[in-house]
C-alpha atoms as a PDB file:
ATOM      1  CA  SER A   1     129.429  70.948 119.573  1.00  0.00           C
ATOM      2  CA  SER A   2     131.835  70.525 122.465  1.00  0.00           C
ATOM      3  CA  GLY A   3     130.500  73.792 123.885  1.00  0.00           C
ATOM      4  CA  ILE A   4     127.008  72.489 124.563  1.00  0.00           C
ATOM      5  CA  VAL A   5     128.420  69.232 125.972  1.00  0.00           C
ATOM      6  CA  SER A   6     130.483  71.329 128.399  1.00  0.00           C
ATOM      7  CA  ILE A   7     127.324  73.115 129.513  1.00  0.00           C
ATOM      8  CA  GLN A   8     125.347  69.861 129.829  1.00  0.00           C
ATOM      9  CA  SER A   9     127.978  68.232 132.026  1.00  0.00           C
ATOM     10  CA  TYR A  10     128.340  71.341 134.219  1.00  0.00           C
ATOM     11  CA  ASP A  11     124.748  72.400 134.901  1.00  0.00           C
ATOM     12  CA  ARG A  12     121.532  70.823 133.613  1.00  0.00           C
ATOM     13  CA  ASN A  13     119.443  73.954 134.227  1.00  0.00           C
ATOM     14  CA  THR A  14     121.762  76.051 132.062  1.00  0.00           C
ATOM     15  CA  TYR A  15     121.755  73.270 129.445  1.00  0.00           C
ATOM     16  CA  ALA A  16     117.934  73.176 129.197  1.00  0.00           C
ATOM     17  CA  HIS A  17     117.817  76.993 129.123  1.00  0.00           C
ATOM     18  CA  SER A  18     120.432  77.053 126.326  1.00  0.00           C
ATOM     19  CA  ILE A  19     118.397  74.656 124.171  1.00  0.00           C
ATOM     20  CA  ASN A  20     115.230  76.723 124.734  1.00  0.00           C
ATOM     21  CA  VAL A  21     116.949  80.025 123.917  1.00  0.00           C
ATOM     22  CA  CYS A  22     118.341  78.465 120.730  1.00  0.00           C
ATOM     23  CA  VAL A  23     114.890  77.265 119.581  1.00  0.00           C
ATOM     24  CA  LEU A  24     113.255  80.603 120.435  1.00  0.00           C
ATOM     25  CA  SER A  25     116.025  82.636 118.766  1.00  0.00           C
ATOM     26  CA  LEU A  26     115.839  80.566 115.579  1.00  0.00           C
ATOM     27  CA  SER A  27     112.070  80.989 115.549  1.00  0.00           C
ATOM     28  CA  ILE A  28     112.513  84.778 115.779  1.00  0.00           C
ATOM     29  CA  GLY A  29     115.194  84.799 113.060  1.00  0.00           C
ATOM     30  CA  ASP A  30     113.077  82.617 110.786  1.00  0.00           C
ATOM     31  CA  CYS A  31     110.053  84.882 111.329  1.00  0.00           C
ATOM     32  CA  LEU A  32     112.239  87.853 110.341  1.00  0.00           C
ATOM     33  CA  GLY A  33     113.324  86.109 107.119  1.00  0.00           C
ATOM     34  CA  TRP A  34     116.971  85.525 108.027  1.00  0.00           C
ATOM     35  CA  SER A  35     119.068  83.541 105.527  1.00  0.00           C
ATOM     36  CA  LEU A  36     120.169  79.979 106.330  1.00  0.00           C
ATOM     37  CA  HIS A  37     123.751  81.186 106.871  1.00  0.00           C
ATOM     38  CA  ASN A  38     122.628  83.850 109.352  1.00  0.00           C
ATOM     39  CA  LEU A  39     120.308  81.373 111.094  1.00  0.00           C
ATOM     40  CA  ARG A  40     123.294  79.039 111.583  1.00  0.00           C
ATOM     41  CA  GLU A  41     125.261  81.877 113.205  1.00  0.00           C
ATOM     42  CA  LEU A  42     122.241  82.824 115.325  1.00  0.00           C
ATOM     43  CA  GLY A  43     121.706  79.202 116.373  1.00  0.00           C
ATOM     44  CA  THR A  44     125.342  78.857 117.433  1.00  0.00           C
ATOM     45  CA  ALA A  45     125.213  82.156 119.316  1.00  0.00           C
ATOM     46  CA  ALA A  46     121.966  81.304 121.095  1.00  0.00           C
ATOM     47  CA  LEU A  47     122.941  77.735 121.971  1.00  0.00           C
ATOM     48  CA  LEU A  48     126.185  78.938 123.543  1.00  0.00           C
ATOM     49  CA  HIS A  49     125.067  82.340 124.897  1.00  0.00           C
ATOM     50  CA  ASP A  50     125.590  81.155 128.508  1.00  0.00           C
ATOM     51  CA  ILE A  51     128.818  79.178 127.934  1.00  0.00           C
ATOM     52  CA  GLY A  52     130.559  81.579 130.343  1.00  0.00           C
ATOM     53  CA  LYS A  53     128.536  80.054 133.179  1.00  0.00           C
ATOM     54  CA  ILE A  54     130.813  76.985 133.143  1.00  0.00           C
ATOM     55  CA  LEU A  55     133.381  79.342 134.752  1.00  0.00           C
ATOM     56  CA  ILE A  56     130.966  80.456 137.514  1.00  0.00           C
ATOM     57  CA  PRO A  57     130.882  78.376 140.756  1.00  0.00           C
ATOM     58  CA  ILE A  58     128.070  75.806 140.523  1.00  0.00           C
ATOM     59  CA  ASP A  59     126.681  76.620 143.979  1.00  0.00           C
ATOM     60  CA  LEU A  60     126.262  80.223 142.856  1.00  0.00           C
ATOM     61  CA  LEU A  61     124.387  79.186 139.687  1.00  0.00           C
ATOM     62  CA  ASN A  62     121.955  77.112 141.746  1.00  0.00           C
ATOM     63  CA  LYS A  63     121.642  79.351 144.813  1.00  0.00           C
ATOM     64  CA  PRO A  64     118.000  79.234 145.969  1.00  0.00           C
ATOM     65  CA  GLY A  65     117.904  82.737 147.471  1.00  0.00           C
ATOM     66  CA  PRO A  66     118.791  86.227 146.258  1.00  0.00           C
ATOM     67  CA  LEU A  67     122.414  86.932 145.345  1.00  0.00           C
ATOM     68  CA  THR A  68     124.565  89.316 147.367  1.00  0.00           C
ATOM     69  CA  ASP A  69     126.056  92.298 145.495  1.00  0.00           C
ATOM     70  CA  GLU A  70     129.380  90.444 145.343  1.00  0.00           C
ATOM     71  CA  GLU A  71     127.756  87.269 144.011  1.00  0.00           C
ATOM     72  CA  TYR A  72     125.752  89.243 141.447  1.00  0.00           C
ATOM     73  CA  GLY A  73     128.953  90.958 140.304  1.00  0.00           C
ATOM     74  CA  LEU A  74     130.584  87.560 139.780  1.00  0.00           C
ATOM     75  CA  MET A  75     127.501  86.201 137.976  1.00  0.00           C
ATOM     76  CA  ARG A  76     127.568  89.165 135.586  1.00  0.00           C
ATOM     77  CA  THR A  77     131.072  88.173 134.429  1.00  0.00           C
ATOM     78  CA  HIS A  78     129.601  85.198 132.523  1.00  0.00           C
ATOM     79  CA  CYS A  79     128.988  87.402 129.466  1.00  0.00           C
ATOM     80  CA  GLU A  80     132.601  88.415 128.949  1.00  0.00           C
ATOM     81  CA  LYS A  81     133.845  84.974 129.997  1.00  0.00           C
ATOM     82  CA  GLY A  82     131.527  83.475 127.369  1.00  0.00           C
ATOM     83  CA  TRP A  83     132.803  85.882 124.731  1.00  0.00           C
ATOM     84  CA  GLU A  84     136.393  84.890 125.540  1.00  0.00           C
ATOM     85  CA  LEU A  85     135.634  81.154 125.536  1.00  0.00           C
ATOM     86  CA  LEU A  86     133.801  81.317 122.205  1.00  0.00           C
ATOM     87  CA  SER A  87     136.441  83.506 120.541  1.00  0.00           C
ATOM     88  CA  GLU A  88     139.582  81.867 121.897  1.00  0.00           C
ATOM     89  CA  CYS A  89     138.707  78.239 122.694  1.00  0.00           C
ATOM     90  CA  PHE A  90     135.836  77.394 120.347  1.00  0.00           C
ATOM     91  CA  HIS A  91     136.913  79.667 117.470  1.00  0.00           C
ATOM     92  CA  ALA A  92     133.374  80.913 116.911  1.00  0.00           C
ATOM     93  CA  SER A  93     132.896  83.821 114.539  1.00  0.00           C
ATOM     94  CA  ASP A  94     133.000  87.296 116.063  1.00  0.00           C
ATOM     95  CA  TYR A  95     129.339  87.638 115.105  1.00  0.00           C
ATOM     96  CA  ALA A  96     128.234  84.456 116.910  1.00  0.00           C
ATOM     97  CA  ALA A  97     130.346  85.284 119.982  1.00  0.00           C
ATOM     98  CA  ARG A  98     128.391  88.521 120.390  1.00  0.00           C
ATOM     99  CA  GLY A  99     125.395  86.474 121.565  1.00  0.00           C
ATOM    100  CA  ALA A 100     127.353  85.575 124.701  1.00  0.00           C
ATOM    101  CA  LEU A 101     128.670  89.098 125.143  1.00  0.00           C
ATOM    102  CA  GLU A 102     125.463  91.050 124.491  1.00  0.00           C
ATOM    103  CA  HIS A 103     122.461  88.995 125.677  1.00  0.00           C
ATOM    104  CA  HIS A 104     122.171  91.101 128.851  1.00  0.00           C
ATOM    105  CA  GLU A 105     122.557  94.448 127.078  1.00  0.00           C
ATOM    106  CA  ARG A 106     119.430  96.618 126.909  1.00  0.00           C
ATOM    107  CA  LEU A 107     118.384  99.189 124.301  1.00  0.00           C
ATOM    108  CA  ASP A 108     118.434 102.081 126.781  1.00  0.00           C
ATOM    109  CA  GLY A 109     122.018 101.329 127.861  1.00  0.00           C
ATOM    110  CA  SER A 110     121.005  99.931 131.267  1.00  0.00           C
ATOM    111  CA  GLY A 111     122.305  96.405 130.566  1.00  0.00           C
ATOM    112  CA  TYR A 112     125.685  94.770 131.069  1.00  0.00           C
ATOM    113  CA  PRO A 113     128.599  94.132 130.624  1.00  0.00           C
ATOM    114  CA  LYS A 114     129.266  97.230 128.530  1.00  0.00           C
ATOM    115  CA  GLY A 115     126.084  99.293 128.920  1.00  0.00           C
ATOM    116  CA  LEU A 116     125.640  99.422 125.129  1.00  0.00           C
ATOM    117  CA  ALA A 117     122.791 101.428 123.632  1.00  0.00           C
ATOM    118  CA  ALA A 118     120.490 100.152 120.872  1.00  0.00           C
ATOM    119  CA  SER A 119     122.607 101.118 117.850  1.00  0.00           C
ATOM    120  CA  SER A 120     125.695  99.371 119.293  1.00  0.00           C
ATOM    121  CA  ILE A 121     123.994  96.023 120.028  1.00  0.00           C
ATOM    122  CA  SER A 122     124.167  93.424 117.245  1.00  0.00           C
ATOM    123  CA  ASP A 123     121.036  91.794 115.824  1.00  0.00           C
ATOM    124  CA  ILE A 124     122.209  88.545 117.427  1.00  0.00           C
ATOM    125  CA  GLY A 125     122.520  90.313 120.787  1.00  0.00           C
ATOM    126  CA  LYS A 126     119.020  91.772 120.474  1.00  0.00           C
ATOM    127  CA  ILE A 127     117.404  88.457 119.522  1.00  0.00           C
ATOM    128  CA  THR A 128     119.199  86.352 122.146  1.00  0.00           C
ATOM    129  CA  ALA A 129     118.226  88.958 124.767  1.00  0.00           C
ATOM    130  CA  VAL A 130     114.526  88.567 123.910  1.00  0.00           C
ATOM    131  CA  ALA A 131     114.701  84.751 123.863  1.00  0.00           C
ATOM    132  CA  ASP A 132     116.713  84.730 127.101  1.00  0.00           C
ATOM    133  CA  VAL A 133     114.244  86.957 128.964  1.00  0.00           C
ATOM    134  CA  TYR A 134     111.261  84.914 127.777  1.00  0.00           C
ATOM    135  CA  ASP A 135     112.747  81.558 128.748  1.00  0.00           C
ATOM    136  CA  ALA A 136     114.149  82.820 132.063  1.00  0.00           C
ATOM    137  CA  MET A 137     110.755  84.201 133.079  1.00  0.00           C
ATOM    138  CA  THR A 138     108.625  81.239 131.941  1.00  0.00           C
ATOM    139  CA  ALA A 139     110.837  78.528 133.516  1.00  0.00           C
ATOM    140  CA  ASP A 140     111.218  77.448 137.131  1.00  0.00           C
ATOM    141  CA  ARG A 141     114.425  78.905 138.582  1.00  0.00           C
ATOM    142  CA  PRO A 142     116.315  77.931 141.772  1.00  0.00           C
ATOM    143  CA  TYR A 143     115.035  81.127 143.429  1.00  0.00           C
ATOM    144  CA  ARG A 144     111.407  81.291 142.123  1.00  0.00           C
ATOM    145  CA  LYS A 145     108.666  79.426 140.258  1.00  0.00           C
ATOM    146  CA  ALA A 146     107.853  80.056 136.604  1.00  0.00           C
ATOM    147  CA  ILE A 147     105.826  83.165 135.767  1.00  0.00           C
ATOM    148  CA  PHE A 148     102.587  82.738 133.802  1.00  0.00           C
ATOM    149  CA  PRO A 149     103.039  83.369 130.053  1.00  0.00           C
ATOM    150  CA  GLU A 150     100.333  86.057 130.058  1.00  0.00           C
ATOM    151  CA  THR A 151     102.275  88.050 132.689  1.00  0.00           C
ATOM    152  CA  VAL A 152     105.508  87.584 130.730  1.00  0.00           C
ATOM    153  CA  TYR A 153     103.757  88.759 127.554  1.00  0.00           C
ATOM    154  CA  THR A 154     102.537  91.926 129.294  1.00  0.00           C
ATOM    155  CA  TYR A 155     105.972  92.653 130.777  1.00  0.00           C
ATOM    156  CA  MET A 156     107.852  92.084 127.512  1.00  0.00           C
ATOM    157  CA  ASN A 157     105.433  94.263 125.581  1.00  0.00           C
ATOM    158  CA  GLN A 158     106.028  97.055 128.102  1.00  0.00           C
ATOM    159  CA  CYS A 159     109.785  96.626 127.505  1.00  0.00           C
ATOM    160  CA  LYS A 160     109.494  96.873 123.706  1.00  0.00           C
ATOM    161  CA  GLY A 161     111.586  99.704 122.304  1.00  0.00           C
ATOM    162  CA  VAL A 162     112.905 100.563 125.784  1.00  0.00           C
ATOM    163  CA  LEU A 163     114.836  97.513 126.976  1.00  0.00           C
ATOM    164  CA  LEU A 164     114.089  94.919 124.302  1.00  0.00           C
ATOM    165  CA  ASP A 165     114.008  95.097 120.511  1.00  0.00           C
ATOM    166  CA  ARG A 166     110.436  95.721 119.312  1.00  0.00           C
ATOM    167  CA  THR A 167     110.738  93.625 116.135  1.00  0.00           C
ATOM    168  CA  ALA A 168     112.206  90.625 117.981  1.00  0.00           C
ATOM    169  CA  VAL A 169     109.513  90.724 120.696  1.00  0.00           C
ATOM    170  CA  ASP A 170     106.742  90.915 118.086  1.00  0.00           C
ATOM    171  CA  ALA A 171     108.328  88.052 116.120  1.00  0.00           C
ATOM    172  CA  LEU A 172     108.581  85.918 119.269  1.00  0.00           C
ATOM    173  CA  PHE A 173     104.921  86.356 120.177  1.00  0.00           C
ATOM    174  CA  SER A 174     103.817  85.705 116.609  1.00  0.00           C
ATOM    175  CA  ARG A 175     105.340  82.219 117.032  1.00  0.00           C
ATOM    176  CA  VAL A 176     104.858  81.386 120.732  1.00  0.00           C
ATOM    177  CA  ALA A 177     101.430  80.333 122.037  1.00  0.00           C
ATOM    178  CA  LEU A 178     100.331  82.594 124.882  1.00  0.00           C
ATOM    179  CA  TYR A 179      98.536  79.703 126.576  1.00  0.00           C
ATOM    180  CA  PRO A 180     100.648  76.578 125.921  1.00  0.00           C
ATOM    181  CA  THR A 181      99.001  73.175 126.428  1.00  0.00           C
ATOM    182  CA  GLY A 182      98.567  72.489 130.123  1.00  0.00           C
ATOM    183  CA  THR A 183      98.517  76.080 131.394  1.00  0.00           C
END
């Protein structure tokens, strides 16, 4: 799709993250028995969940240190920008576009951009959130090194039912090796 090409040409870190979140999300959806049609929607949503980052300054995306409050506020706009891009420019379904809008929402309402609670977050939003957290924590970032999978596993299990969807977290760890080759 032209969306993923836009991401690849703008920022390679976001591109690699987008591919990983897509694979992880599809693995969760498959584990949960989603239909092929719904897996296609989920795959589109997950692949393009960070499309809004192409409208964030590149030096901000790759800043090696902590963000200021102002910078963090700008970074947080990538969710709604992604929603708008997917809906208006890429003509994605409303359902798929919710991956961009909702992947930083949390079950307890503490997420952004809308502070939605569990019952208001779509299944796509819940799954992309779990895949996004896992990949973000287990990958090297401009501001820190990757976190060991065992630590990520412990953290995500503590978040189950509070911040992250319990079923999606359990599905992820039923498919992801806790000690991948080389760790």
